[in-house]
Amino acid sequence: MCPRFESERGSHFIFMVCYLSQVGHNNFYYPSDKKAVLDEDCDYTFVPWISAKGFRAIKIKSDCLLPLKLDKQSADETLLNDKEYAIVWIELE
């Protein structure tokens, strides 16, 4: 899902909203309710996991994530993440 927005100058840009991961049952990763924006210039790869509640997991560099809300979990998993990659979730189309 890549919505288009129009700036004041009339140019268009695209961004993708994703959901951060949380650890759940049997230490599996699941989508949380915390959202972030993926930098449009970053590459990602699909992770071969079973989809969860209409979401698909992707692997992306941690510095490509910008949190939509700045709380502790969002900051820890995006801005302060010391791991090179993160697993996030995008909605299935």
PDB file of N, CA and C in Angstrom:
ATOM      1  N   MET A   1       0.848  -1.166   0.000  1.00  0.00           N
ATOM      2  CA  MET A   1       0.000   0.000   0.000  1.00  0.00           C
ATOM      3  C   MET A   1       0.897   1.234   0.000  1.00  0.00           C
ATOM      4  N   CYS A   2       0.897   1.986  -1.080  1.00  0.00           N
ATOM      5  CA  CYS A   2       1.752   3.165  -1.204  1.00  0.00           C
ATOM      6  C   CYS A   2       0.902   4.375  -1.574  1.00  0.00           C
ATOM      7  N   PRO A   3       0.377   5.097  -0.606  1.00  0.00           N
ATOM      8  CA  PRO A   3      -0.446   6.248  -0.930  1.00  0.00           C
ATOM      9  C   PRO A   3       0.371   7.379  -1.535  1.00  0.00           C
ATOM     10  N   ARG A   4      -0.251   8.153  -2.397  1.00  0.00           N
ATOM     11  CA  ARG A   4       0.384   9.322  -3.005  1.00  0.00           C
ATOM     12  C   ARG A   4      -0.145  10.575  -2.317  1.00  0.00           C
ATOM     13  N   PHE A   5       0.738  11.523  -2.122  1.00  0.00           N
ATOM     14  CA  PHE A   5       0.364  12.787  -1.520  1.00  0.00           C
ATOM     15  C   PHE A   5       0.893  13.913  -2.371  1.00  0.00           C
ATOM     16  N   GLU A   6       0.201  15.014  -2.389  1.00  0.00           N
ATOM     17  CA  GLU A   6       0.616  16.154  -3.179  1.00  0.00           C
ATOM     18  C   GLU A   6       1.160  17.235  -2.262  1.00  0.00           C
ATOM     19  N   SER A   7       2.332  17.724  -2.575  1.00  0.00           N
ATOM     20  CA  SER A   7       2.924  18.790  -1.782  1.00  0.00           C
ATOM     21  C   SER A   7       2.393  20.137  -2.247  1.00  0.00           C
ATOM     22  N   GLU A   8       2.798  21.199  -1.570  1.00  0.00           N
ATOM     23  CA  GLU A   8       2.354  22.540  -1.945  1.00  0.00           C
ATOM     24  C   GLU A   8       2.823  22.907  -3.345  1.00  0.00           C
ATOM     25  N   ARG A   9       3.923  22.351  -3.785  1.00  0.00           N
ATOM     26  CA  ARG A   9       4.460  22.659  -5.112  1.00  0.00           C
ATOM     27  C   ARG A   9       3.819  21.798  -6.197  1.00  0.00           C
ATOM     28  N   GLY A  10       2.986  20.862  -5.813  1.00  0.00           N
ATOM     29  CA  GLY A  10       2.298  20.031  -6.789  1.00  0.00           C
ATOM     30  C   GLY A  10       3.029  18.749  -7.163  1.00  0.00           C
ATOM     31  N   SER A  11       4.223  18.541  -6.639  1.00  0.00           N
ATOM     32  CA  SER A  11       4.934  17.306  -6.964  1.00  0.00           C
ATOM     33  C   SER A  11       4.373  16.157  -6.128  1.00  0.00           C
ATOM     34  N   HIS A  12       4.554  14.947  -6.627  1.00  0.00           N
ATOM     35  CA  HIS A  12       4.040  13.763  -5.930  1.00  0.00           C
ATOM     36  C   HIS A  12       5.195  12.970  -5.351  1.00  0.00           C
ATOM     37  N   PHE A  13       4.958  12.377  -4.221  1.00  0.00           N
ATOM     38  CA  PHE A  13       5.922  11.453  -3.654  1.00  0.00           C
ATOM     39  C   PHE A  13       5.155  10.302  -3.026  1.00  0.00           C
ATOM     40  N   ILE A  14       5.837   9.194  -2.870  1.00  0.00           N
ATOM     41  CA  ILE A  14       5.200   7.974  -2.374  1.00  0.00           C
ATOM     42  C   ILE A  14       5.928   7.527  -1.117  1.00  0.00           C
ATOM     43  N   PHE A  15       5.167   7.046  -0.143  1.00  0.00           N
ATOM     44  CA  PHE A  15       5.785   6.417   1.016  1.00  0.00           C
ATOM     45  C   PHE A  15       4.955   5.228   1.429  1.00  0.00           C
ATOM     46  N   MET A  16       5.584   4.321   2.153  1.00  0.00           N
ATOM     47  CA  MET A  16       4.900   3.118   2.594  1.00  0.00           C
ATOM     48  C   MET A  16       4.890   3.076   4.119  1.00  0.00           C
ATOM     49  N   VAL A  17       3.722   2.835   4.675  1.00  0.00           N
ATOM     50  CA  VAL A  17       3.578   2.692   6.120  1.00  0.00           C
ATOM     51  C   VAL A  17       3.754   1.220   6.461  1.00  0.00           C
ATOM     52  N   CYS A  18       4.500   0.952   7.522  1.00  0.00           N
ATOM     53  CA  CYS A  18       4.686  -0.412   7.981  1.00  0.00           C
ATOM     54  C   CYS A  18       4.373  -0.481   9.471  1.00  0.00           C
ATOM     55  N   TYR A  19       4.315  -1.684   9.987  1.00  0.00           N
ATOM     56  CA  TYR A  19       4.054  -1.922  11.402  1.00  0.00           C
ATOM     57  C   TYR A  19       5.276  -2.586  12.010  1.00  0.00           C
ATOM     58  N   LEU A  20       5.719  -2.106  13.157  1.00  0.00           N
ATOM     59  CA  LEU A  20       6.866  -2.679  13.843  1.00  0.00           C
ATOM     60  C   LEU A  20       6.512  -4.058  14.390  1.00  0.00           C
ATOM     61  N   SER A  21       7.517  -4.847  14.694  1.00  0.00           N
ATOM     62  CA  SER A  21       7.309  -6.206  15.204  1.00  0.00           C
ATOM     63  C   SER A  21       7.221  -6.224  16.718  1.00  0.00           C
ATOM     64  N   GLN A  22       6.533  -7.238  17.213  1.00  0.00           N
ATOM     65  CA  GLN A  22       6.527  -7.546  18.640  1.00  0.00           C
ATOM     66  C   GLN A  22       6.691  -9.055  18.773  1.00  0.00           C
ATOM     67  N   VAL A  23       7.308  -9.483  19.852  1.00  0.00           N
ATOM     68  CA  VAL A  23       7.508 -10.916  20.087  1.00  0.00           C
ATOM     69  C   VAL A  23       6.272 -11.448  20.795  1.00  0.00           C
ATOM     70  N   GLY A  24       5.762 -12.572  20.284  1.00  0.00           N
ATOM     71  CA  GLY A  24       4.544 -13.135  20.850  1.00  0.00           C
ATOM     72  C   GLY A  24       4.699 -14.606  21.165  1.00  0.00           C
ATOM     73  N   HIS A  25       3.644 -15.372  20.926  1.00  0.00           N
ATOM     74  CA  HIS A  25       3.563 -16.794  21.231  1.00  0.00           C
ATOM     75  C   HIS A  25       4.754 -17.548  20.637  1.00  0.00           C
ATOM     76  N   ASN A  26       5.399 -18.398  21.438  1.00  0.00           N
ATOM     77  CA  ASN A  26       6.564 -19.204  21.024  1.00  0.00           C
ATOM     78  C   ASN A  26       7.715 -18.355  20.492  1.00  0.00           C
ATOM     79  N   ASN A  27       7.820 -17.115  20.955  1.00  0.00           N
ATOM     80  CA  ASN A  27       8.868 -16.180  20.525  1.00  0.00           C
ATOM     81  C   ASN A  27       8.830 -15.876  19.034  1.00  0.00           C
ATOM     82  N   PHE A  28       7.663 -15.982  18.417  1.00  0.00           N
ATOM     83  CA  PHE A  28       7.502 -15.600  17.014  1.00  0.00           C
ATOM     84  C   PHE A  28       7.287 -14.095  16.949  1.00  0.00           C
ATOM     85  N   TYR A  29       7.630 -13.509  15.803  1.00  0.00           N
ATOM     86  CA  TYR A  29       7.386 -12.090  15.580  1.00  0.00           C
ATOM     87  C   TYR A  29       5.995 -11.900  14.988  1.00  0.00           C
ATOM     88  N   TYR A  30       5.316 -10.871  15.477  1.00  0.00           N
ATOM     89  CA  TYR A  30       3.978 -10.513  15.005  1.00  0.00           C
ATOM     90  C   TYR A  30       3.938  -9.007  14.786  1.00  0.00           C
ATOM     91  N   PRO A  31       3.030  -8.518  13.929  1.00  0.00           N
ATOM     92  CA  PRO A  31       2.908  -7.065  13.778  1.00  0.00           C
ATOM     93  C   PRO A  31       2.324  -6.439  15.039  1.00  0.00           C
ATOM     94  N   SER A  32       2.881  -5.309  15.441  1.00  0.00           N
ATOM     95  CA  SER A  32       2.344  -4.569  16.583  1.00  0.00           C
ATOM     96  C   SER A  32       1.438  -3.454  16.048  1.00  0.00           C
ATOM     97  N   ASP A  33       0.926  -2.635  16.939  1.00  0.00           N
ATOM     98  CA  ASP A  33       0.107  -1.504  16.503  1.00  0.00           C
ATOM     99  C   ASP A  33       0.948  -0.241  16.293  1.00  0.00           C
ATOM    100  N   LYS A  34       2.272  -0.339  16.472  1.00  0.00           N
ATOM    101  CA  LYS A  34       3.185   0.798  16.279  1.00  0.00           C
ATOM    102  C   LYS A  34       3.551   0.909  14.806  1.00  0.00           C
ATOM    103  N   LYS A  35       3.403   2.102  14.233  1.00  0.00           N
ATOM    104  CA  LYS A  35       3.641   2.315  12.808  1.00  0.00           C
ATOM    105  C   LYS A  35       4.915   3.108  12.568  1.00  0.00           C
ATOM    106  N   ALA A  36       5.475   2.886  11.383  1.00  0.00           N
ATOM    107  CA  ALA A  36       6.638   3.640  10.930  1.00  0.00           C
ATOM    108  C   ALA A  36       6.507   3.853   9.424  1.00  0.00           C
ATOM    109  N   VAL A  37       7.305   4.756   8.903  1.00  0.00           N
ATOM    110  CA  VAL A  37       7.340   5.025   7.472  1.00  0.00           C
ATOM    111  C   VAL A  37       8.651   4.481   6.931  1.00  0.00           C
ATOM    112  N   LEU A  38       8.569   3.792   5.793  1.00  0.00           N
ATOM    113  CA  LEU A  38       9.759   3.280   5.137  1.00  0.00           C
ATOM    114  C   LEU A  38      10.307   4.352   4.207  1.00  0.00           C
ATOM    115  N   ASP A  39      11.594   4.597   4.279  1.00  0.00           N
ATOM    116  CA  ASP A  39      12.256   5.518   3.364  1.00  0.00           C
ATOM    117  C   ASP A  39      12.128   4.960   1.949  1.00  0.00           C
ATOM    118  N   GLU A  40      11.705   5.775   1.003  1.00  0.00           N
ATOM    119  CA  GLU A  40      11.433   5.283  -0.347  1.00  0.00           C
ATOM    120  C   GLU A  40      12.678   4.832  -1.104  1.00  0.00           C
ATOM    121  N   ASP A  41      13.864   5.243  -0.681  1.00  0.00           N
ATOM    122  CA  ASP A  41      15.094   4.876  -1.371  1.00  0.00           C
ATOM    123  C   ASP A  41      15.709   3.580  -0.858  1.00  0.00           C
ATOM    124  N   CYS A  42      15.102   2.947   0.108  1.00  0.00           N
ATOM    125  CA  CYS A  42      15.670   1.735   0.704  1.00  0.00           C
ATOM    126  C   CYS A  42      15.079   0.480   0.079  1.00  0.00           C
ATOM    127  N   ASP A  43      15.924  -0.517  -0.027  1.00  0.00           N
ATOM    128  CA  ASP A  43      15.491  -1.817  -0.526  1.00  0.00           C
ATOM    129  C   ASP A  43      15.061  -2.690   0.636  1.00  0.00           C
ATOM    130  N   TYR A  44      14.149  -3.601   0.362  1.00  0.00           N
ATOM    131  CA  TYR A  44      13.723  -4.557   1.374  1.00  0.00           C
ATOM    132  C   TYR A  44      13.529  -5.904   0.712  1.00  0.00           C
ATOM    133  N   THR A  45      13.541  -6.941   1.518  1.00  0.00           N
ATOM    134  CA  THR A  45      13.293  -8.282   1.021  1.00  0.00           C
ATOM    135  C   THR A  45      12.164  -8.913   1.827  1.00  0.00           C
ATOM    136  N   PHE A  46      11.356  -9.700   1.148  1.00  0.00           N
ATOM    137  CA  PHE A  46      10.293 -10.416   1.828  1.00  0.00           C
ATOM    138  C   PHE A  46      10.892 -11.564   2.628  1.00  0.00           C
ATOM    139  N   VAL A  47      10.368 -11.775   3.820  1.00  0.00           N
ATOM    140  CA  VAL A  47      10.795 -12.873   4.679  1.00  0.00           C
ATOM    141  C   VAL A  47       9.822 -14.034   4.433  1.00  0.00           C
ATOM    142  N   PRO A  48      10.329 -15.253   4.249  1.00  0.00           N
ATOM    143  CA  PRO A  48       9.454 -16.388   3.917  1.00  0.00           C
ATOM    144  C   PRO A  48       8.704 -16.934   5.130  1.00  0.00           C
ATOM    145  N   TRP A  49       7.934 -16.074   5.755  1.00  0.00           N
ATOM    146  CA  TRP A  49       7.130 -16.468   6.907  1.00  0.00           C
ATOM    147  C   TRP A  49       5.661 -16.478   6.509  1.00  0.00           C
ATOM    148  N   ILE A  50       4.868 -17.164   7.290  1.00  0.00           N
ATOM    149  CA  ILE A  50       3.420 -17.163   7.081  1.00  0.00           C
ATOM    150  C   ILE A  50       2.886 -15.769   7.403  1.00  0.00           C
ATOM    151  N   SER A  51       1.974 -15.295   6.584  1.00  0.00           N
ATOM    152  CA  SER A  51       1.373 -13.985   6.818  1.00  0.00           C
ATOM    153  C   SER A  51       0.593 -13.991   8.122  1.00  0.00           C
ATOM    154  N   ALA A  52       0.561 -12.838   8.777  1.00  0.00           N
ATOM    155  CA  ALA A  52      -0.136 -12.706  10.054  1.00  0.00           C
ATOM    156  C   ALA A  52      -1.211 -11.637   9.944  1.00  0.00           C
ATOM    157  N   LYS A  53      -2.459 -12.042  10.044  1.00  0.00           N
ATOM    158  CA  LYS A  53      -3.593 -11.111  10.075  1.00  0.00           C
ATOM    159  C   LYS A  53      -3.567 -10.089   8.937  1.00  0.00           C
ATOM    160  N   GLY A  54      -3.285 -10.542   7.721  1.00  0.00           N
ATOM    161  CA  GLY A  54      -3.294  -9.643   6.569  1.00  0.00           C
ATOM    162  C   GLY A  54      -2.018  -8.848   6.374  1.00  0.00           C
ATOM    163  N   PHE A  55      -0.941  -9.238   7.048  1.00  0.00           N
ATOM    164  CA  PHE A  55       0.343  -8.556   6.935  1.00  0.00           C
ATOM    165  C   PHE A  55       1.407  -9.533   6.453  1.00  0.00           C
ATOM    166  N   ARG A  56       2.416  -8.985   5.800  1.00  0.00           N
ATOM    167  CA  ARG A  56       3.547  -9.779   5.344  1.00  0.00           C
ATOM    168  C   ARG A  56       4.829  -9.179   5.905  1.00  0.00           C
ATOM    169  N   ALA A  57       5.746 -10.038   6.361  1.00  0.00           N
ATOM    170  CA  ALA A  57       6.990  -9.585   6.978  1.00  0.00           C
ATOM    171  C   ALA A  57       8.025  -9.231   5.917  1.00  0.00           C
ATOM    172  N   ILE A  58       8.763  -8.138   6.163  1.00  0.00           N
ATOM    173  CA  ILE A  58       9.879  -7.767   5.311  1.00  0.00           C
ATOM    174  C   ILE A  58      11.091  -7.455   6.181  1.00  0.00           C
ATOM    175  N   LYS A  59      12.264  -7.621   5.593  1.00  0.00           N
ATOM    176  CA  LYS A  59      13.521  -7.293   6.256  1.00  0.00           C
ATOM    177  C   LYS A  59      14.059  -6.025   5.606  1.00  0.00           C
ATOM    178  N   ILE A  60      14.393  -5.039   6.431  1.00  0.00           N
ATOM    179  CA  ILE A  60      14.840  -3.742   5.924  1.00  0.00           C
ATOM    180  C   ILE A  60      15.923  -3.196   6.843  1.00  0.00           C
ATOM    181  N   LYS A  61      16.785  -2.362   6.315  1.00  0.00           N
ATOM    182  CA  LYS A  61      17.805  -1.729   7.161  1.00  0.00           C
ATOM    183  C   LYS A  61      17.112  -0.846   8.191  1.00  0.00           C
ATOM    184  N   SER A  62      17.598  -0.905   9.406  1.00  0.00           N
ATOM    185  CA  SER A  62      16.972  -0.168  10.507  1.00  0.00           C
ATOM    186  C   SER A  62      16.971   1.333  10.287  1.00  0.00           C
ATOM    187  N   ASP A  63      17.999   1.854   9.623  1.00  0.00           N
ATOM    188  CA  ASP A  63      18.046   3.303   9.418  1.00  0.00           C
ATOM    189  C   ASP A  63      17.094   3.796   8.334  1.00  0.00           C
ATOM    190  N   CYS A  64      16.322   2.887   7.731  1.00  0.00           N
ATOM    191  CA  CYS A  64      15.316   3.262   6.737  1.00  0.00           C
ATOM    192  C   CYS A  64      13.942   3.482   7.360  1.00  0.00           C
ATOM    193  N   LEU A  65      13.829   3.324   8.670  1.00  0.00           N
ATOM    194  CA  LEU A  65      12.542   3.433   9.352  1.00  0.00           C
ATOM    195  C   LEU A  65      12.423   4.766  10.077  1.00  0.00           C
ATOM    196  N   LEU A  66      11.302   5.417   9.896  1.00  0.00           N
ATOM    197  CA  LEU A  66      10.992   6.660  10.605  1.00  0.00           C
ATOM    198  C   LEU A  66       9.688   6.463  11.369  1.00  0.00           C
ATOM    199  N   PRO A  67       9.700   6.568  12.694  1.00  0.00           N
ATOM    200  CA  PRO A  67       8.476   6.302  13.467  1.00  0.00           C
ATOM    201  C   PRO A  67       7.407   7.365  13.219  1.00  0.00           C
ATOM    202  N   LEU A  68       6.152   6.939  13.200  1.00  0.00           N
ATOM    203  CA  LEU A  68       5.045   7.887  13.074  1.00  0.00           C
ATOM    204  C   LEU A  68       4.691   8.513  14.417  1.00  0.00           C
ATOM    205  N   LYS A  69       4.968   7.780  15.493  1.00  0.00           N
ATOM    206  CA  LYS A  69       4.705   8.269  16.846  1.00  0.00           C
ATOM    207  C   LYS A  69       5.964   8.023  17.660  1.00  0.00           C
ATOM    208  N   LEU A  70       6.394   8.997  18.403  1.00  0.00           N
ATOM    209  CA  LEU A  70       7.640   8.850  19.136  1.00  0.00           C
ATOM    210  C   LEU A  70       7.376   8.439  20.575  1.00  0.00           C
ATOM    211  N   ASP A  71       7.329   7.130  20.791  1.00  0.00           N
ATOM    212  CA  ASP A  71       7.252   6.575  22.139  1.00  0.00           C
ATOM    213  C   ASP A  71       8.459   5.661  22.326  1.00  0.00           C
ATOM    214  N   LYS A  72       8.596   5.045  23.477  1.00  0.00           N
ATOM    215  CA  LYS A  72       9.792   4.254  23.782  1.00  0.00           C
ATOM    216  C   LYS A  72      10.001   3.101  22.801  1.00  0.00           C
ATOM    217  N   GLN A  73       8.952   2.299  22.549  1.00  0.00           N
ATOM    218  CA  GLN A  73       9.108   1.157  21.649  1.00  0.00           C
ATOM    219  C   GLN A  73       9.473   1.627  20.243  1.00  0.00           C
ATOM    220  N   SER A  74       8.793   2.634  19.736  1.00  0.00           N
ATOM    221  CA  SER A  74       9.066   3.122  18.387  1.00  0.00           C
ATOM    222  C   SER A  74      10.482   3.664  18.264  1.00  0.00           C
ATOM    223  N   ALA A  75      10.924   4.433  19.259  1.00  0.00           N
ATOM    224  CA  ALA A  75      12.286   4.987  19.228  1.00  0.00           C
ATOM    225  C   ALA A  75      13.325   3.873  19.332  1.00  0.00           C
ATOM    226  N   ASP A  76      13.106   2.903  20.210  1.00  0.00           N
ATOM    227  CA  ASP A  76      14.051   1.793  20.377  1.00  0.00           C
ATOM    228  C   ASP A  76      14.195   0.973  19.097  1.00  0.00           C
ATOM    229  N   GLU A  77      13.096   0.780  18.374  1.00  0.00           N
ATOM    230  CA  GLU A  77      13.123  -0.080  17.192  1.00  0.00           C
ATOM    231  C   GLU A  77      13.471   0.654  15.907  1.00  0.00           C
ATOM    232  N   THR A  78      13.521   1.963  15.936  1.00  0.00           N
ATOM    233  CA  THR A  78      13.842   2.714  14.718  1.00  0.00           C
ATOM    234  C   THR A  78      15.064   3.598  14.931  1.00  0.00           C
ATOM    235  N   LEU A  79      14.910   4.661  15.661  1.00  0.00           N
ATOM    236  CA  LEU A  79      15.978   5.647  15.817  1.00  0.00           C
ATOM    237  C   LEU A  79      17.158   5.149  16.633  1.00  0.00           C
ATOM    238  N   LEU A  80      16.916   4.340  17.658  1.00  0.00           N
ATOM    239  CA  LEU A  80      17.975   3.885  18.563  1.00  0.00           C
ATOM    240  C   LEU A  80      18.380   2.437  18.337  1.00  0.00           C
ATOM    241  N   ASN A  81      17.900   1.826  17.287  1.00  0.00           N
ATOM    242  CA  ASN A  81      18.172   0.418  17.024  1.00  0.00           C
ATOM    243  C   ASN A  81      19.637   0.231  16.642  1.00  0.00           C
ATOM    244  N   ASP A  82      20.349  -0.618  17.375  1.00  0.00           N
ATOM    245  CA  ASP A  82      21.756  -0.865  17.073  1.00  0.00           C
ATOM    246  C   ASP A  82      21.945  -2.062  16.137  1.00  0.00           C
ATOM    247  N   LYS A  83      20.849  -2.710  15.756  1.00  0.00           N
ATOM    248  CA  LYS A  83      20.930  -3.816  14.806  1.00  0.00           C
ATOM    249  C   LYS A  83      20.884  -3.247  13.386  1.00  0.00           C
ATOM    250  N   GLU A  84      21.562  -3.924  12.476  1.00  0.00           N
ATOM    251  CA  GLU A  84      21.620  -3.413  11.104  1.00  0.00           C
ATOM    252  C   GLU A  84      20.275  -3.537  10.390  1.00  0.00           C
ATOM    253  N   TYR A  85      19.540  -4.626  10.680  1.00  0.00           N
ATOM    254  CA  TYR A  85      18.267  -4.879  10.005  1.00  0.00           C
ATOM    255  C   TYR A  85      17.124  -5.005  11.013  1.00  0.00           C
ATOM    256  N   ALA A  86      15.928  -4.756  10.521  1.00  0.00           N
ATOM    257  CA  ALA A  86      14.721  -4.919  11.334  1.00  0.00           C
ATOM    258  C   ALA A  86      13.689  -5.693  10.519  1.00  0.00           C
ATOM    259  N   ILE A  87      12.825  -6.391  11.226  1.00  0.00           N
ATOM    260  CA  ILE A  87      11.674  -7.052  10.600  1.00  0.00           C
ATOM    261  C   ILE A  87      10.455  -6.187  10.872  1.00  0.00           C
ATOM    262  N   VAL A  88       9.794  -5.760   9.815  1.00  0.00           N
ATOM    263  CA  VAL A  88       8.566  -4.978   9.932  1.00  0.00           C
ATOM    264  C   VAL A  88       7.493  -5.637   9.058  1.00  0.00           C
ATOM    265  N   TRP A  89       6.300  -5.150   9.164  1.00  0.00           N
ATOM    266  CA  TRP A  89       5.157  -5.771   8.488  1.00  0.00           C
ATOM    267  C   TRP A  89       4.448  -4.759   7.610  1.00  0.00           C
ATOM    268  N   ILE A  90       4.108  -5.190   6.382  1.00  0.00           N
ATOM    269  CA  ILE A  90       3.331  -4.351   5.473  1.00  0.00           C
ATOM    270  C   ILE A  90       2.009  -5.050   5.200  1.00  0.00           C
ATOM    271  N   GLU A  91       0.993  -4.247   4.907  1.00  0.00           N
ATOM    272  CA  GLU A  91      -0.327  -4.815   4.626  1.00  0.00           C
ATOM    273  C   GLU A  91      -0.321  -5.501   3.271  1.00  0.00           C
ATOM    274  N   LEU A  92      -0.995  -6.646   3.201  1.00  0.00           N
ATOM    275  CA  LEU A  92      -1.162  -7.340   1.930  1.00  0.00           C
ATOM    276  C   LEU A  92      -2.146  -6.559   1.081  1.00  0.00           C
ATOM    277  N   GLU A  93      -1.887  -6.508  -0.190  1.00  0.00           N
ATOM    278  CA  GLU A  93      -2.800  -5.774  -1.085  1.00  0.00           C
ATOM    279  C   GLU A  93      -3.831  -6.691  -1.677  1.00  0.00           C
TER     280      GLU A  93
END
